[in-house]
């Protein structure tokens, strides 16, 4: 694997963990991710339309996969939004990154693709790392005493929603890429332009679901005794656009760097394994920069997860 490709992937892991750290800091503002998606989708749809007009148009058979991928990616962002509102970054982030590995491996086993010794070892390490990360942790009260350890069930559940979304849009993207390659159009329709369209579709799904939720909330308020609707948890707040634009920019740059690394290296598995280093970066960032609890156990769990993902990835031989 070329040194430049290694450097690109490692730099992308820093950016990926950084935008999640920024998202966690802004998780008190539920309108953050809708703004992030708009910050990416507005220029994205302009670039996409320009490409449709001046370049090679997306294949008709790609659009169904794109629509499915957008729906799953919207659920991914919903899981992140609610996960960061209900739990620590050092809890949610590694689970969102690691659970898809367990889910995909589990599907492979159900289909009769039994892993070898290295694969089973990797699965055990990933599972053990997830348990370390998710183990109950106590928090200190204002008087310095230790609270009773508790499970963060809601945050773990939302992390699972985000992980399922990751698996869904990854499978849809793979099918779309196969359709493009089969048609001999891989050079004309770039993955980056496809990604911009996907963010646009995701924004449409996400904002539509929020609008529907808000409408149902208002109807429920009218039927209630008070007749007054509670403030929307996704209400916009002023002065939050710079953070949204920054997060959206980091997301796009991370995506582009990984694509560049894929183009420079035939060892796809190496790129996949190196990307998991972001788990360690994210957990360390949450523990040290945000002062989150159980830093020792979660950092140890993150390292175990990365080791497990590496074992699974290299066992695949791709």
C-alpha atoms as a PDB file:
ATOM      1  CA  UNK A   1       0.000   0.000   0.000  1.00  0.00           C
ATOM      2  CA  UNK A   2       1.628   3.321  -1.069  1.00  0.00           C
ATOM      3  CA  UNK A   3       2.759   5.611   1.779  1.00  0.00           C
ATOM      4  CA  UNK A   4       0.638   8.447   0.376  1.00  0.00           C
ATOM      5  CA  UNK A   5      -2.479   6.257   0.506  1.00  0.00           C
ATOM      6  CA  UNK A   6      -1.712   5.333   4.120  1.00  0.00           C
ATOM      7  CA  UNK A   7      -1.279   9.020   4.975  1.00  0.00           C
ATOM      8  CA  UNK A   8      -4.574   9.920   3.273  1.00  0.00           C
ATOM      9  CA  UNK A   9      -6.528   7.261   5.149  1.00  0.00           C
ATOM     10  CA  UNK A  10      -5.000   8.150   8.512  1.00  0.00           C
ATOM     11  CA  UNK A  11      -5.704  11.840   7.920  1.00  0.00           C
ATOM     12  CA  UNK A  12      -9.278  10.986   6.958  1.00  0.00           C
ATOM     13  CA  UNK A  13      -9.703   9.144  10.279  1.00  0.00           C
ATOM     14  CA  UNK A  14      -8.738  12.323  12.124  1.00  0.00           C
ATOM     15  CA  UNK A  15     -11.278  14.320  10.106  1.00  0.00           C
ATOM     16  CA  UNK A  16     -14.009  11.698  10.615  1.00  0.00           C
ATOM     17  CA  UNK A  17     -13.496  11.648  14.367  1.00  0.00           C
ATOM     18  CA  UNK A  18     -13.291  15.459  14.388  1.00  0.00           C
ATOM     19  CA  UNK A  19     -16.669  16.040  12.745  1.00  0.00           C
ATOM     20  CA  UNK A  20     -18.249  13.535  15.125  1.00  0.00           C
ATOM     21  CA  UNK A  21     -16.645  15.392  18.029  1.00  0.00           C
ATOM     22  CA  UNK A  22     -18.120  18.646  16.715  1.00  0.00           C
ATOM     23  CA  UNK A  23     -21.491  16.930  16.284  1.00  0.00           C
ATOM     24  CA  UNK A  24     -21.395  15.708  19.873  1.00  0.00           C
ATOM     25  CA  UNK A  25     -20.576  19.227  21.093  1.00  0.00           C
ATOM     26  CA  UNK A  26     -23.584  20.523  19.169  1.00  0.00           C
ATOM     27  CA  UNK A  27     -25.898  17.649  20.078  1.00  0.00           C
ATOM     28  CA  UNK A  28     -27.864  19.963  22.360  1.00  0.00           C
ATOM     29  CA  UNK A  29     -29.121  21.581  19.168  1.00  0.00           C
ATOM     30  CA  UNK A  30     -31.215  18.930  17.398  1.00  0.00           C
ATOM     31  CA  UNK A  31     -31.382  21.119  14.278  1.00  0.00           C
ATOM     32  CA  UNK A  32     -27.645  20.562  13.754  1.00  0.00           C
ATOM     33  CA  UNK A  33     -27.792  17.552  11.449  1.00  0.00           C
ATOM     34  CA  UNK A  34     -30.631  18.934   9.300  1.00  0.00           C
ATOM     35  CA  UNK A  35     -28.431  21.980   8.749  1.00  0.00           C
ATOM     36  CA  UNK A  36     -25.399  19.808   8.052  1.00  0.00           C
ATOM     37  CA  UNK A  37     -27.345  17.893   5.418  1.00  0.00           C
ATOM     38  CA  UNK A  38     -28.600  21.125   3.863  1.00  0.00           C
ATOM     39  CA  UNK A  39     -25.074  22.545   3.827  1.00  0.00           C
ATOM     40  CA  UNK A  40     -23.980  19.506   1.792  1.00  0.00           C
ATOM     41  CA  UNK A  41     -27.146  18.960  -0.257  1.00  0.00           C
ATOM     42  CA  UNK A  42     -27.564  22.493  -1.640  1.00  0.00           C
ATOM     43  CA  UNK A  43     -24.169  22.659  -3.382  1.00  0.00           C
ATOM     44  CA  UNK A  44     -24.414  18.920  -4.018  1.00  0.00           C
ATOM     45  CA  UNK A  45     -27.608  19.163  -6.046  1.00  0.00           C
ATOM     46  CA  UNK A  46     -26.112  22.015  -8.078  1.00  0.00           C
ATOM     47  CA  UNK A  47     -23.040  19.935  -8.896  1.00  0.00           C
ATOM     48  CA  UNK A  48     -25.244  16.942  -9.611  1.00  0.00           C
ATOM     49  CA  UNK A  49     -27.503  18.841 -11.998  1.00  0.00           C
ATOM     50  CA  UNK A  50     -24.485  20.335 -13.739  1.00  0.00           C
ATOM     51  CA  UNK A  51     -23.074  16.843 -14.175  1.00  0.00           C
ATOM     52  CA  UNK A  52     -26.400  15.609 -15.578  1.00  0.00           C
ATOM     53  CA  UNK A  53     -26.413  18.473 -18.065  1.00  0.00           C
ATOM     54  CA  UNK A  54     -22.758  18.659 -19.082  1.00  0.00           C
ATOM     55  CA  UNK A  55     -21.441  15.190 -18.217  1.00  0.00           C
ATOM     56  CA  UNK A  56     -22.643  11.605 -18.157  1.00  0.00           C
ATOM     57  CA  UNK A  57     -26.073  11.223 -16.587  1.00  0.00           C
ATOM     58  CA  UNK A  58     -26.695   8.707 -13.835  1.00  0.00           C
ATOM     59  CA  UNK A  59     -27.988   5.417 -15.169  1.00  0.00           C
ATOM     60  CA  UNK A  60     -31.752   4.871 -14.695  1.00  0.00           C
ATOM     61  CA  UNK A  61     -31.073   1.570 -12.905  1.00  0.00           C
ATOM     62  CA  UNK A  62     -28.885   3.382 -10.359  1.00  0.00           C
ATOM     63  CA  UNK A  63     -31.652   5.641  -9.061  1.00  0.00           C
ATOM     64  CA  UNK A  64     -33.557   2.927  -7.116  1.00  0.00           C
ATOM     65  CA  UNK A  65     -30.353   2.058  -5.256  1.00  0.00           C
ATOM     66  CA  UNK A  66     -29.728   5.746  -4.663  1.00  0.00           C
ATOM     67  CA  UNK A  67     -33.205   6.223  -3.182  1.00  0.00           C
ATOM     68  CA  UNK A  68     -32.776   3.209  -0.894  1.00  0.00           C
ATOM     69  CA  UNK A  69     -29.304   4.356   0.161  1.00  0.00           C
ATOM     70  CA  UNK A  70     -30.646   7.815   0.992  1.00  0.00           C
ATOM     71  CA  UNK A  71     -33.352   6.348   3.224  1.00  0.00           C
ATOM     72  CA  UNK A  72     -30.840   4.241   5.148  1.00  0.00           C
ATOM     73  CA  UNK A  73     -28.412   7.129   5.433  1.00  0.00           C
ATOM     74  CA  UNK A  74     -31.210   9.292   6.849  1.00  0.00           C
ATOM     75  CA  UNK A  75     -31.742   6.652   9.549  1.00  0.00           C
ATOM     76  CA  UNK A  76     -27.983   6.714  10.169  1.00  0.00           C
ATOM     77  CA  UNK A  77     -28.066  10.451  10.837  1.00  0.00           C
ATOM     78  CA  UNK A  78     -31.166  10.050  12.988  1.00  0.00           C
ATOM     79  CA  UNK A  79     -29.345   7.435  15.059  1.00  0.00           C
ATOM     80  CA  UNK A  80     -26.343   9.747  15.433  1.00  0.00           C
ATOM     81  CA  UNK A  81     -28.548  12.706  16.348  1.00  0.00           C
ATOM     82  CA  UNK A  82     -30.408  10.880  19.096  1.00  0.00           C
ATOM     83  CA  UNK A  83     -27.403   8.810  20.157  1.00  0.00           C
ATOM     84  CA  UNK A  84     -25.279  11.878  20.838  1.00  0.00           C
ATOM     85  CA  UNK A  85     -28.180  13.490  22.677  1.00  0.00           C
ATOM     86  CA  UNK A  86     -28.567  10.517  25.022  1.00  0.00           C
ATOM     87  CA  UNK A  87     -25.011   9.192  25.395  1.00  0.00           C
ATOM     88  CA  UNK A  88     -21.296   9.923  25.293  1.00  0.00           C
ATOM     89  CA  UNK A  89     -19.253  10.176  22.116  1.00  0.00           C
ATOM     90  CA  UNK A  90     -16.869   7.557  23.514  1.00  0.00           C
ATOM     91  CA  UNK A  91     -19.864   5.195  23.814  1.00  0.00           C
ATOM     92  CA  UNK A  92     -21.871   5.893  20.653  1.00  0.00           C
ATOM     93  CA  UNK A  93     -19.086   6.470  18.123  1.00  0.00           C
ATOM     94  CA  UNK A  94     -17.238   3.125  18.469  1.00  0.00           C
ATOM     95  CA  UNK A  95     -20.520   1.197  18.519  1.00  0.00           C
ATOM     96  CA  UNK A  96     -21.731   2.885  15.336  1.00  0.00           C
ATOM     97  CA  UNK A  97     -18.428   2.012  13.651  1.00  0.00           C
ATOM     98  CA  UNK A  98     -18.142  -1.544  14.993  1.00  0.00           C
ATOM     99  CA  UNK A  99     -21.691  -2.935  15.002  1.00  0.00           C
ATOM    100  CA  UNK A 100     -21.939  -2.973  11.173  1.00  0.00           C
ATOM    101  CA  UNK A 101     -18.939  -5.338  11.125  1.00  0.00           C
ATOM    102  CA  UNK A 102     -20.778  -7.741  13.442  1.00  0.00           C
ATOM    103  CA  UNK A 103     -24.025  -7.418  11.488  1.00  0.00           C
ATOM    104  CA  UNK A 104     -22.433  -8.067   8.088  1.00  0.00           C
ATOM    105  CA  UNK A 105     -20.384 -10.971   9.454  1.00  0.00           C
ATOM    106  CA  UNK A 106     -23.510 -12.406  11.041  1.00  0.00           C
ATOM    107  CA  UNK A 107     -25.351 -12.223   7.701  1.00  0.00           C
ATOM    108  CA  UNK A 108     -22.423 -14.007   6.036  1.00  0.00           C
ATOM    109  CA  UNK A 109     -22.533 -16.818   8.592  1.00  0.00           C
ATOM    110  CA  UNK A 110     -26.300 -17.214   8.082  1.00  0.00           C
ATOM    111  CA  UNK A 111     -25.665 -17.538   4.345  1.00  0.00           C
ATOM    112  CA  UNK A 112     -23.205 -20.364   4.975  1.00  0.00           C
ATOM    113  CA  UNK A 113     -20.010 -18.341   4.581  1.00  0.00           C
ATOM    114  CA  UNK A 114     -18.300 -19.570   7.734  1.00  0.00           C
ATOM    115  CA  UNK A 115     -15.174 -17.543   8.607  1.00  0.00           C
ATOM    116  CA  UNK A 116     -11.807 -19.107   9.314  1.00  0.00           C
ATOM    117  CA  UNK A 117      -9.869 -18.973  12.550  1.00  0.00           C
ATOM    118  CA  UNK A 118      -8.738 -15.370  11.989  1.00  0.00           C
ATOM    119  CA  UNK A 119     -12.304 -14.339  11.178  1.00  0.00           C
ATOM    120  CA  UNK A 120     -13.718 -15.915  14.332  1.00  0.00           C
ATOM    121  CA  UNK A 121     -10.953 -14.307  16.385  1.00  0.00           C
ATOM    122  CA  UNK A 122     -11.793 -10.935  14.852  1.00  0.00           C
ATOM    123  CA  UNK A 123     -15.501 -11.339  15.605  1.00  0.00           C
ATOM    124  CA  UNK A 124     -14.724 -12.235  19.199  1.00  0.00           C
ATOM    125  CA  UNK A 125     -12.463  -9.209  19.561  1.00  0.00           C
ATOM    126  CA  UNK A 126     -15.040  -6.841  18.069  1.00  0.00           C
ATOM    127  CA  UNK A 127     -17.769  -8.231  20.315  1.00  0.00           C
ATOM    128  CA  UNK A 128     -15.538  -8.035  23.372  1.00  0.00           C
ATOM    129  CA  UNK A 129     -14.519  -4.483  22.512  1.00  0.00           C
ATOM    130  CA  UNK A 130     -18.156  -3.437  22.141  1.00  0.00           C
ATOM    131  CA  UNK A 131     -18.949  -4.904  25.563  1.00  0.00           C
ATOM    132  CA  UNK A 132     -16.017  -3.024  27.087  1.00  0.00           C
ATOM    133  CA  UNK A 133     -17.158   0.234  25.510  1.00  0.00           C
ATOM    134  CA  UNK A 134     -20.787  -0.274  26.539  1.00  0.00           C
ATOM    135  CA  UNK A 135     -20.168  -1.522  30.082  1.00  0.00           C
ATOM    136  CA  UNK A 136     -21.989   0.481  32.773  1.00  0.00           C
ATOM    137  CA  UNK A 137     -20.015   3.439  34.046  1.00  0.00           C
ATOM    138  CA  UNK A 138     -20.565   5.558  37.103  1.00  0.00           C
ATOM    139  CA  UNK A 139     -20.443   9.352  37.059  1.00  0.00           C
ATOM    140  CA  UNK A 140     -19.260  11.709  39.742  1.00  0.00           C
ATOM    141  CA  UNK A 141     -21.745  13.888  41.575  1.00  0.00           C
ATOM    142  CA  UNK A 142     -21.013  17.514  42.308  1.00  0.00           C
ATOM    143  CA  UNK A 143     -19.828  16.547  45.806  1.00  0.00           C
ATOM    144  CA  UNK A 144     -17.221  14.204  44.319  1.00  0.00           C
ATOM    145  CA  UNK A 145     -18.948  10.939  45.260  1.00  0.00           C
ATOM    146  CA  UNK A 146     -19.472   8.175  42.710  1.00  0.00           C
ATOM    147  CA  UNK A 147     -22.931   7.429  41.324  1.00  0.00           C
ATOM    148  CA  UNK A 148     -24.096   3.847  40.817  1.00  0.00           C
ATOM    149  CA  UNK A 149     -22.996   2.519  37.382  1.00  0.00           C
ATOM    150  CA  UNK A 150     -25.806   2.436  34.840  1.00  0.00           C
ATOM    151  CA  UNK A 151     -26.377   1.170  31.333  1.00  0.00           C
ATOM    152  CA  UNK A 152     -26.996   3.799  28.675  1.00  0.00           C
ATOM    153  CA  UNK A 153     -29.700   1.771  26.981  1.00  0.00           C
ATOM    154  CA  UNK A 154     -31.162   4.579  24.873  1.00  0.00           C
ATOM    155  CA  UNK A 155     -27.779   5.612  23.477  1.00  0.00           C
ATOM    156  CA  UNK A 156     -26.897   1.991  22.667  1.00  0.00           C
ATOM    157  CA  UNK A 157     -30.251   1.556  20.922  1.00  0.00           C
ATOM    158  CA  UNK A 158     -29.763   4.649  18.789  1.00  0.00           C
ATOM    159  CA  UNK A 159     -26.221   3.524  17.975  1.00  0.00           C
ATOM    160  CA  UNK A 160     -27.781   0.282  16.705  1.00  0.00           C
ATOM    161  CA  UNK A 161     -30.179   2.304  14.515  1.00  0.00           C
ATOM    162  CA  UNK A 162     -27.223   4.206  13.039  1.00  0.00           C
ATOM    163  CA  UNK A 163     -25.330   0.937  12.513  1.00  0.00           C
ATOM    164  CA  UNK A 164     -28.276  -0.632  10.661  1.00  0.00           C
ATOM    165  CA  UNK A 165     -28.446   2.486   8.524  1.00  0.00           C
ATOM    166  CA  UNK A 166     -24.751   2.106   7.732  1.00  0.00           C
ATOM    167  CA  UNK A 167     -25.219  -1.494   6.616  1.00  0.00           C
ATOM    168  CA  UNK A 168     -28.238  -0.557   4.496  1.00  0.00           C
ATOM    169  CA  UNK A 169     -26.691   2.313   2.587  1.00  0.00           C
ATOM    170  CA  UNK A 170     -23.401   0.423   2.158  1.00  0.00           C
ATOM    171  CA  UNK A 171     -25.173  -2.508   0.494  1.00  0.00           C
ATOM    172  CA  UNK A 172     -27.209  -0.163  -1.716  1.00  0.00           C
ATOM    173  CA  UNK A 173     -24.072   1.770  -2.699  1.00  0.00           C
ATOM    174  CA  UNK A 174     -22.286  -1.477  -3.584  1.00  0.00           C
ATOM    175  CA  UNK A 175     -25.174  -2.555  -5.821  1.00  0.00           C
ATOM    176  CA  UNK A 176     -25.182   0.862  -7.483  1.00  0.00           C
ATOM    177  CA  UNK A 177     -21.423   0.665  -8.083  1.00  0.00           C
ATOM    178  CA  UNK A 178     -21.840  -2.809  -9.609  1.00  0.00           C
ATOM    179  CA  UNK A 179     -24.572  -1.493 -11.938  1.00  0.00           C
ATOM    180  CA  UNK A 180     -22.347   1.389 -13.047  1.00  0.00           C
ATOM    181  CA  UNK A 181     -19.390  -0.936 -13.654  1.00  0.00           C
ATOM    182  CA  UNK A 182     -21.529  -3.444 -15.570  1.00  0.00           C
ATOM    183  CA  UNK A 183     -22.648  -0.678 -17.905  1.00  0.00           C
ATOM    184  CA  UNK A 184     -19.071   0.439 -18.499  1.00  0.00           C
ATOM    185  CA  UNK A 185     -19.798   3.893 -17.108  1.00  0.00           C
ATOM    186  CA  UNK A 186     -17.432   3.926 -14.115  1.00  0.00           C
ATOM    187  CA  UNK A 187     -15.256   6.570 -15.734  1.00  0.00           C
ATOM    188  CA  UNK A 188     -18.130   8.864 -16.645  1.00  0.00           C
ATOM    189  CA  UNK A 189     -20.110   8.792 -13.422  1.00  0.00           C
ATOM    190  CA  UNK A 190     -17.713   9.483 -10.575  1.00  0.00           C
ATOM    191  CA  UNK A 191     -18.280   8.097  -7.116  1.00  0.00           C
ATOM    192  CA  UNK A 192     -17.978  11.602  -5.717  1.00  0.00           C
ATOM    193  CA  UNK A 193     -20.887  12.891  -7.801  1.00  0.00           C
ATOM    194  CA  UNK A 194     -22.921   9.851  -6.798  1.00  0.00           C
ATOM    195  CA  UNK A 195     -22.113  10.667  -3.175  1.00  0.00           C
ATOM    196  CA  UNK A 196     -23.322  14.245  -3.590  1.00  0.00           C
ATOM    197  CA  UNK A 197     -26.615  12.985  -5.001  1.00  0.00           C
ATOM    198  CA  UNK A 198     -26.887  10.579  -2.076  1.00  0.00           C
ATOM    199  CA  UNK A 199     -26.509  13.393   0.450  1.00  0.00           C
ATOM    200  CA  UNK A 200     -29.205  15.323  -1.410  1.00  0.00           C
ATOM    201  CA  UNK A 201     -31.625  12.382  -1.292  1.00  0.00           C
ATOM    202  CA  UNK A 202     -30.745  11.830   2.371  1.00  0.00           C
ATOM    203  CA  UNK A 203     -31.531  15.456   3.189  1.00  0.00           C
ATOM    204  CA  UNK A 204     -34.919  15.125   1.448  1.00  0.00           C
ATOM    205  CA  UNK A 205     -35.802  12.016   3.484  1.00  0.00           C
ATOM    206  CA  UNK A 206     -34.524  13.451   6.751  1.00  0.00           C
ATOM    207  CA  UNK A 207     -36.240  16.823   6.465  1.00  0.00           C
ATOM    208  CA  UNK A 208     -39.482  15.226   5.267  1.00  0.00           C
ATOM    209  CA  UNK A 209     -39.531  12.884   8.264  1.00  0.00           C
ATOM    210  CA  UNK A 210     -38.943  15.806  10.634  1.00  0.00           C
ATOM    211  CA  UNK A 211     -41.751  17.791   8.988  1.00  0.00           C
ATOM    212  CA  UNK A 212     -44.111  14.802   9.313  1.00  0.00           C
ATOM    213  CA  UNK A 213     -43.125  14.307  12.954  1.00  0.00           C
ATOM    214  CA  UNK A 214     -43.743  17.995  13.677  1.00  0.00           C
ATOM    215  CA  UNK A 215     -47.164  17.845  12.006  1.00  0.00           C
ATOM    216  CA  UNK A 216     -48.177  14.818  14.060  1.00  0.00           C
ATOM    217  CA  UNK A 217     -46.939  16.549  17.205  1.00  0.00           C
ATOM    218  CA  UNK A 218     -49.107  19.581  16.493  1.00  0.00           C
ATOM    219  CA  UNK A 219     -52.169  17.422  15.817  1.00  0.00           C
ATOM    220  CA  UNK A 220     -51.632  15.622  19.111  1.00  0.00           C
ATOM    221  CA  UNK A 221     -51.385  18.984  20.875  1.00  0.00           C
ATOM    222  CA  UNK A 222     -54.692  20.155  19.394  1.00  0.00           C
ATOM    223  CA  UNK A 223     -56.405  17.034  20.709  1.00  0.00           C
ATOM    224  CA  UNK A 224     -54.885  17.399  24.159  1.00  0.00           C
ATOM    225  CA  UNK A 225     -56.504  19.265  27.022  1.00  0.00           C
ATOM    226  CA  UNK A 226     -54.170  22.251  26.790  1.00  0.00           C
ATOM    227  CA  UNK A 227     -54.201  22.590  23.012  1.00  0.00           C
ATOM    228  CA  UNK A 228     -50.675  23.973  23.141  1.00  0.00           C
ATOM    229  CA  UNK A 229     -47.906  22.194  21.280  1.00  0.00           C
ATOM    230  CA  UNK A 230     -44.621  21.664  23.045  1.00  0.00           C
ATOM    231  CA  UNK A 231     -41.632  23.280  21.374  1.00  0.00           C
ATOM    232  CA  UNK A 232     -40.268  21.172  18.575  1.00  0.00           C
ATOM    233  CA  UNK A 233     -37.056  19.395  19.566  1.00  0.00           C
ATOM    234  CA  UNK A 234     -35.822  20.104  16.052  1.00  0.00           C
ATOM    235  CA  UNK A 235     -36.538  23.832  16.160  1.00  0.00           C
ATOM    236  CA  UNK A 236     -33.852  25.947  14.515  1.00  0.00           C
ATOM    237  CA  UNK A 237     -31.589  28.107  16.615  1.00  0.00           C
ATOM    238  CA  UNK A 238     -29.701  31.164  15.366  1.00  0.00           C
ATOM    239  CA  UNK A 239     -25.945  31.215  15.045  1.00  0.00           C
ATOM    240  CA  UNK A 240     -25.501  27.489  14.387  1.00  0.00           C
ATOM    241  CA  UNK A 241     -24.846  27.537  10.646  1.00  0.00           C
ATOM    242  CA  UNK A 242     -21.024  27.927  10.830  1.00  0.00           C
ATOM    243  CA  UNK A 243     -20.713  24.678  12.793  1.00  0.00           C
ATOM    244  CA  UNK A 244     -23.059  22.894  10.367  1.00  0.00           C
ATOM    245  CA  UNK A 245     -21.100  24.093   7.341  1.00  0.00           C
ATOM    246  CA  UNK A 246     -17.811  23.052   8.979  1.00  0.00           C
ATOM    247  CA  UNK A 247     -19.126  19.563   9.765  1.00  0.00           C
ATOM    248  CA  UNK A 248     -20.517  19.174   6.251  1.00  0.00           C
ATOM    249  CA  UNK A 249     -17.186  20.251   4.748  1.00  0.00           C
ATOM    250  CA  UNK A 250     -15.249  17.778   6.907  1.00  0.00           C
ATOM    251  CA  UNK A 251     -17.648  15.003   5.864  1.00  0.00           C
ATOM    252  CA  UNK A 252     -17.081  15.698   2.167  1.00  0.00           C
ATOM    253  CA  UNK A 253     -13.303  16.001   2.517  1.00  0.00           C
ATOM    254  CA  UNK A 254     -13.193  12.726   4.463  1.00  0.00           C
ATOM    255  CA  UNK A 255     -15.224  11.020   1.734  1.00  0.00           C
ATOM    256  CA  UNK A 256     -12.953  12.374  -1.004  1.00  0.00           C
ATOM    257  CA  UNK A 257      -9.751  11.332   0.780  1.00  0.00           C
ATOM    258  CA  UNK A 258     -10.974   7.766   1.221  1.00  0.00           C
ATOM    259  CA  UNK A 259     -11.986   7.565  -2.452  1.00  0.00           C
ATOM    260  CA  UNK A 260      -8.537   8.836  -3.429  1.00  0.00           C
ATOM    261  CA  UNK A 261      -6.896   6.199  -1.235  1.00  0.00           C
ATOM    262  CA  UNK A 262      -9.041   3.456  -2.805  1.00  0.00           C
ATOM    263  CA  UNK A 263      -7.900   4.551  -6.253  1.00  0.00           C
ATOM    264  CA  UNK A 264      -4.229   4.430  -5.242  1.00  0.00           C
ATOM    265  CA  UNK A 265      -4.256   0.998  -3.575  1.00  0.00           C
ATOM    266  CA  UNK A 266      -5.527  -2.355  -4.795  1.00  0.00           C
ATOM    267  CA  UNK A 267      -5.564  -3.682  -1.217  1.00  0.00           C
ATOM    268  CA  UNK A 268      -9.090  -2.583  -0.378  1.00  0.00           C
ATOM    269  CA  UNK A 269      -8.968  -4.511   2.881  1.00  0.00           C
ATOM    270  CA  UNK A 270      -6.001  -2.446   4.061  1.00  0.00           C
ATOM    271  CA  UNK A 271      -7.902   0.793   3.521  1.00  0.00           C
ATOM    272  CA  UNK A 272     -10.935  -0.586   5.366  1.00  0.00           C
ATOM    273  CA  UNK A 273      -8.806  -1.697   8.309  1.00  0.00           C
ATOM    274  CA  UNK A 274      -6.873   1.568   8.537  1.00  0.00           C
ATOM    275  CA  UNK A 275     -10.120   3.559   8.559  1.00  0.00           C
ATOM    276  CA  UNK A 276     -11.065   1.917  11.841  1.00  0.00           C
ATOM    277  CA  UNK A 277      -8.279   3.852  13.557  1.00  0.00           C
ATOM    278  CA  UNK A 278     -10.869   6.630  13.786  1.00  0.00           C
ATOM    279  CA  UNK A 279     -12.543   4.595  16.557  1.00  0.00           C
ATOM    280  CA  UNK A 280      -9.517   5.065  18.799  1.00  0.00           C
ATOM    281  CA  UNK A 281      -9.234   8.746  17.856  1.00  0.00           C
ATOM    282  CA  UNK A 282     -12.922   9.347  18.588  1.00  0.00           C
ATOM    283  CA  UNK A 283     -12.895   7.572  21.940  1.00  0.00           C
ATOM    284  CA  UNK A 284      -9.711   9.332  23.063  1.00  0.00           C
ATOM    285  CA  UNK A 285     -11.205  12.650  21.956  1.00  0.00           C
ATOM    286  CA  UNK A 286     -14.414  12.018  23.886  1.00  0.00           C
ATOM    287  CA  UNK A 287     -12.550  10.898  26.996  1.00  0.00           C
ATOM    288  CA  UNK A 288      -9.892  13.608  27.061  1.00  0.00           C
ATOM    289  CA  UNK A 289     -11.512  16.602  25.351  1.00  0.00           C
ATOM    290  CA  UNK A 290     -15.067  16.106  26.631  1.00  0.00           C
ATOM    291  CA  UNK A 291     -14.161  14.549  29.975  1.00  0.00           C
ATOM    292  CA  UNK A 292     -16.431  11.542  29.473  1.00  0.00           C
ATOM    293  CA  UNK A 293     -16.542   8.711  31.994  1.00  0.00           C
ATOM    294  CA  UNK A 294     -14.913   5.264  31.876  1.00  0.00           C
ATOM    295  CA  UNK A 295     -12.093   6.528  29.700  1.00  0.00           C
ATOM    296  CA  UNK A 296      -9.758   3.594  30.462  1.00  0.00           C
ATOM    297  CA  UNK A 297     -12.322   0.893  29.647  1.00  0.00           C
ATOM    298  CA  UNK A 298     -13.568   2.666  26.524  1.00  0.00           C
ATOM    299  CA  UNK A 299     -10.101   3.351  25.135  1.00  0.00           C
ATOM    300  CA  UNK A 300      -9.175  -0.283  25.772  1.00  0.00           C
ATOM    301  CA  UNK A 301     -12.409  -1.385  24.100  1.00  0.00           C
ATOM    302  CA  UNK A 302     -11.681   0.826  21.093  1.00  0.00           C
ATOM    303  CA  UNK A 303      -8.237  -0.724  20.651  1.00  0.00           C
ATOM    304  CA  UNK A 304      -9.724  -4.230  20.893  1.00  0.00           C
ATOM    305  CA  UNK A 305     -12.394  -3.328  18.291  1.00  0.00           C
ATOM    306  CA  UNK A 306      -9.767  -2.045  15.853  1.00  0.00           C
ATOM    307  CA  UNK A 307      -7.722  -5.218  16.307  1.00  0.00           C
ATOM    308  CA  UNK A 308     -10.820  -7.309  15.672  1.00  0.00           C
ATOM    309  CA  UNK A 309     -11.813  -5.395  12.544  1.00  0.00           C
ATOM    310  CA  UNK A 310      -8.254  -5.758  11.227  1.00  0.00           C
ATOM    311  CA  UNK A 311      -8.360  -9.527  11.805  1.00  0.00           C
ATOM    312  CA  UNK A 312     -11.738  -9.848  10.019  1.00  0.00           C
ATOM    313  CA  UNK A 313     -10.665  -7.620   7.140  1.00  0.00           C
ATOM    314  CA  UNK A 314      -7.333  -9.283   6.484  1.00  0.00           C
ATOM    315  CA  UNK A 315      -8.929 -12.738   6.846  1.00  0.00           C
ATOM    316  CA  UNK A 316     -11.103 -11.814   3.881  1.00  0.00           C
ATOM    317  CA  UNK A 317      -8.016 -11.678   1.709  1.00  0.00           C
ATOM    318  CA  UNK A 318      -9.283  -8.830  -0.489  1.00  0.00           C
END
